Protein backbone atom coordinates (compact mmCIF):
# COMPACT_ATOMS: atom_id res chain seq x y z
CA UNK A 1 -35.80 3.81 3.24
CA UNK A 2 -34.94 2.26 5.99
CA UNK A 3 -35.87 -1.07 4.54
CA UNK A 4 -33.34 -0.28 1.73
CA UNK A 5 -30.69 0.76 4.34
CA UNK A 6 -31.30 -2.19 5.82
CA UNK A 7 -30.60 -4.38 2.93
CA UNK A 8 -27.85 -2.44 2.09
CA UNK A 9 -26.05 -3.39 5.25
CA UNK A 10 -26.90 -7.08 5.45
CA UNK A 11 -25.73 -7.55 1.76
CA UNK A 12 -22.56 -5.33 2.93
CA UNK A 13 -22.34 -7.86 5.91
CA UNK A 14 -22.57 -10.90 3.12
CA UNK A 15 -19.94 -10.00 1.22
CA UNK A 16 -17.38 -8.80 4.37
CA UNK A 17 -18.32 -12.64 5.32
CA UNK A 18 -17.51 -14.04 1.56
CA UNK A 19 -14.25 -11.68 1.42
CA UNK A 20 -12.93 -13.78 4.95
CA UNK A 21 -13.42 -16.78 2.91
CA UNK A 22 -10.86 -15.39 0.77
CA UNK A 23 -7.20 -15.20 0.84
CA UNK A 24 -6.03 -11.90 0.63
CA UNK A 25 -3.34 -10.35 -1.68
CA UNK A 26 -1.84 -6.66 -0.49
CA UNK A 27 -1.60 -4.75 -4.24
CA UNK A 28 0.40 -1.51 -3.32
CA UNK A 29 0.76 1.51 -6.34
CA UNK A 30 3.32 3.66 -5.96
CA UNK A 31 3.42 7.25 -8.27
CA UNK A 32 4.94 5.79 -10.99
CA UNK A 33 3.24 6.05 -14.28
CA UNK A 34 5.79 3.35 -16.11
CA UNK A 35 3.84 0.69 -17.74
CA UNK A 36 1.39 1.72 -15.07
CA UNK A 37 -2.14 0.99 -17.58
CA UNK A 38 -0.30 -1.89 -18.29
CA UNK A 39 -0.46 -3.33 -14.80
CA UNK A 40 -3.47 -2.23 -13.79
CA UNK A 41 -5.06 -4.00 -17.32
CA UNK A 42 -2.85 -6.76 -16.00
CA UNK A 43 -4.08 -7.17 -12.29
CA UNK A 44 -7.72 -6.46 -13.26
CA UNK A 45 -7.27 -9.79 -15.71
CA UNK A 46 -6.08 -11.44 -12.34
CA UNK A 47 -8.85 -10.24 -10.23
CA UNK A 48 -11.28 -11.86 -12.80
CA UNK A 49 -9.68 -15.24 -12.94
CA UNK A 50 -9.29 -15.30 -9.49
CA UNK A 51 -12.22 -14.15 -7.90
CA UNK A 52 -14.06 -17.21 -6.21
CA UNK A 53 -10.82 -17.62 -4.25
CA UNK A 54 -8.42 -14.08 -3.83
CA UNK A 55 -9.63 -10.56 -2.46
CA UNK A 56 -7.20 -8.66 -3.95
CA UNK A 57 -7.09 -5.38 -1.74
CA UNK A 58 -5.23 -1.56 -3.06
CA UNK A 59 -3.15 0.13 -1.41
CA UNK A 60 -2.22 3.36 -3.36
CA UNK A 61 0.41 6.06 -2.10
CA UNK A 62 -0.29 9.45 -2.05
CA UNK A 63 2.16 9.95 -5.33
CA UNK A 64 0.47 6.99 -6.77
CA UNK A 65 -3.37 8.43 -6.09
CA UNK A 66 -2.16 11.40 -8.32
CA UNK A 67 -0.14 9.55 -10.54
CA UNK A 68 -3.01 7.19 -11.32
CA UNK A 69 -5.87 10.34 -11.64
CA UNK A 70 -3.45 12.09 -14.30
CA UNK A 71 -3.45 8.90 -15.95
CA UNK A 72 -7.41 8.65 -16.00
CA UNK A 73 -7.25 5.19 -14.16
CA UNK A 74 -8.82 5.66 -10.56
CA UNK A 75 -12.25 4.90 -12.10
CA UNK A 76 -11.31 2.01 -13.55
CA UNK A 77 -9.59 0.80 -10.92
CA UNK A 78 -12.77 1.80 -8.38
CA UNK A 79 -15.10 -0.31 -11.00
CA UNK A 80 -12.80 -3.62 -10.31
CA UNK A 81 -11.62 -3.76 -7.10
CA UNK A 82 -13.87 -3.30 -3.79
CA UNK A 83 -11.16 -2.04 -1.60
CA UNK A 84 -9.57 0.53 -2.40
CA UNK A 85 -7.11 3.18 0.04
CA UNK A 86 -5.02 5.60 -0.35
CA UNK A 87 -1.90 6.94 2.16
CA UNK A 88 -3.15 8.80 5.08
CA UNK A 89 0.29 8.52 6.84
CA UNK A 90 3.00 5.41 7.34
CA UNK A 91 0.76 3.55 9.73
CA UNK A 92 -2.89 4.57 7.82
CA UNK A 93 -4.46 2.38 6.96
CA UNK A 94 -2.89 -0.12 8.45
CA UNK A 95 -1.70 -1.86 6.42
CA UNK A 96 2.18 -2.45 7.87
CA UNK A 97 -0.47 -4.43 11.26
CA UNK A 98 -2.48 -6.60 8.99
CA UNK A 99 0.69 -7.79 6.93
CA UNK A 100 2.22 -8.22 11.00
CA UNK A 101 -0.80 -10.34 11.73
CA UNK A 102 -0.16 -12.80 8.61
CA UNK A 103 -3.42 -11.38 6.94
CA UNK A 104 -2.08 -11.38 3.14
CA UNK A 105 -0.45 -14.32 1.80
CA UNK A 106 1.73 -11.88 -0.15
CA UNK A 107 2.58 -7.64 -0.69
CA UNK A 108 2.92 -7.07 -4.25
CA UNK A 109 4.46 -2.97 -5.23
CA UNK A 110 3.49 -2.72 -9.05
CA UNK A 111 4.81 -0.17 -9.78
CA UNK A 112 7.68 0.85 -7.43
CA UNK A 113 9.27 3.97 -8.07
CA UNK A 114 13.12 4.58 -7.66
CA UNK A 115 12.29 6.21 -4.43
CA UNK A 116 10.43 3.63 -2.66
CA UNK A 117 13.15 0.97 -4.03
CA UNK A 118 15.85 2.66 -2.42
CA UNK A 119 14.07 3.30 1.34
CA UNK A 120 12.73 -0.62 1.03
CA UNK A 121 16.75 -0.98 0.46
CA UNK A 122 18.28 1.27 2.79
CA UNK A 123 15.13 0.52 5.82
CA UNK A 124 13.41 3.80 5.81
CA UNK A 125 9.47 2.66 6.80
CA UNK A 126 7.76 6.41 6.93
CA UNK A 127 5.71 5.80 3.92
CA UNK A 128 2.38 3.69 4.00
CA UNK A 129 4.28 1.10 1.42
CA UNK A 130 7.79 1.03 2.57
CA UNK A 131 6.41 0.44 5.85
CA UNK A 132 4.46 -2.48 4.93
CA UNK A 133 7.42 -3.41 2.60
CA UNK A 134 9.82 -3.81 5.74
CA UNK A 135 7.02 -5.67 7.51
CA UNK A 136 6.14 -8.00 5.53
CA UNK A 137 10.18 -8.55 5.04
CA UNK A 138 10.10 -9.40 9.00
CA UNK A 139 7.07 -11.02 9.50
CA UNK A 140 7.39 -13.54 6.55
CA UNK A 141 5.37 -12.37 3.71
CA UNK A 142 6.64 -12.90 0.74
CA UNK A 143 7.27 -9.60 -1.06
CA UNK A 144 7.18 -9.01 -4.61
CA UNK A 145 7.91 -5.62 -6.42
CA UNK A 146 8.32 -4.09 -9.80
CA UNK A 147 10.79 -1.38 -10.09
CA UNK A 148 10.32 1.19 -12.52
CA UNK A 149 14.62 1.61 -12.38
CA UNK A 150 15.32 -2.32 -13.03
CA UNK A 151 17.90 -1.60 -15.55
CA UNK A 152 21.36 1.14 -16.13
CA UNK A 153 21.06 3.07 -19.11
CA UNK A 154 17.76 4.46 -21.20
CA UNK A 155 14.93 4.17 -20.97
CA UNK A 156 11.35 4.79 -22.60
CA UNK A 157 7.77 5.15 -21.24
CA UNK A 158 4.49 6.10 -21.75
CA UNK A 159 2.90 9.47 -20.54
CA UNK A 160 -0.88 9.61 -20.55
CA UNK A 161 -1.24 11.31 -23.90
CA UNK A 162 0.79 8.67 -25.46
CA UNK A 163 3.80 10.68 -26.41
CA UNK A 164 7.62 8.92 -25.25
CA UNK A 165 8.94 9.99 -22.26
CA UNK A 166 12.98 8.98 -22.69
CA UNK A 167 14.79 8.72 -19.38
CA UNK A 168 17.85 7.78 -17.70
CA UNK A 169 18.22 5.08 -15.69
CA UNK A 170 21.35 5.80 -13.28
CA UNK A 171 23.63 2.54 -11.60
CA UNK A 172 22.76 3.68 -8.22
CA UNK A 173 18.76 3.03 -8.97
CA UNK A 174 19.73 -0.14 -10.19
CA UNK A 175 21.95 -0.70 -6.93
CA UNK A 176 19.01 -0.65 -4.93
CA UNK A 177 16.82 -3.15 -6.99
CA UNK A 178 19.84 -5.78 -6.47
CA UNK A 179 20.04 -5.18 -2.97
CA UNK A 180 16.38 -6.08 -2.84
CA UNK A 181 16.68 -9.07 -4.85
CA UNK A 182 19.20 -10.24 -2.80
CA UNK A 183 16.75 -9.94 0.42
CA UNK A 184 15.08 -13.52 1.78
CA UNK A 185 11.71 -13.61 0.73
CA UNK A 186 11.99 -10.47 -1.77
CA UNK A 187 11.40 -11.29 -5.28
CA UNK A 188 12.25 -8.56 -8.30
CA UNK A 189 9.48 -8.49 -11.08
CA UNK A 190 11.05 -7.62 -13.96
CA UNK A 191 7.88 -7.53 -16.82
CA UNK A 192 4.40 -7.23 -16.68
CA UNK A 193 3.59 -10.73 -17.88
CA UNK A 194 5.36 -12.16 -14.73
CA UNK A 195 2.41 -11.19 -12.39
CA UNK A 196 0.40 -14.08 -13.31
CA UNK A 197 2.89 -16.40 -12.28
CA UNK A 198 2.67 -15.42 -9.22
CA UNK A 199 -0.69 -15.98 -8.57
CA UNK A 200 -0.34 -19.27 -10.00
CA UNK A 201 2.51 -20.17 -7.46
CA UNK A 202 0.61 -19.34 -4.30
CA UNK A 203 -3.34 -20.24 -5.36
CA UNK A 204 -2.89 -23.14 -8.50
CA UNK A 205 -3.99 -22.36 -11.82
CA UNK A 206 -7.53 -20.78 -12.11
CA UNK A 207 -10.07 -22.80 -12.83
CA UNK A 208 -11.29 -20.57 -15.82
CA UNK A 209 -7.13 -20.45 -17.42
């Protein structure tokens, strides 16, 4: 038993050393179900493409934790990403501090609820991901956000059971997206297939492609 524990600790230490040699990306997930399965699938694909050079660490808001489990995606995340944290409060885990110290190449929040977008726009750093986003902006760390509500009008999203859900996106929500897009170092993603281009921008094309 003791031997197994020693081997486990040794292997864990090796993994930590290997991860320290990789570039780090923080991926934040909020409580939006809009395109969530597609985003998870895309991030899994990106993780596989850049596995040798990039360490994607997952940070989930409290509401995001509920929605991920509602869509039955938590086990999928655990199977594909080595580091996953769920929000305890605005400073735990200490993502904002790590961004301030330059530990991450960039912060990606996808999907981002209208609530999260509005708070970042209004400089309200009272949750894990809004605090992290505002700190990223202050610390010159690129911030990429994929808002669920970016275009005024009717949108259709999928529920976990496959049914369509029609939602009205109001002008007020779109205005917060526009405010963010005008901020230096902040970039709005409107489609899931834009995510790979972000990684190529920072890390080049992966060898496997």
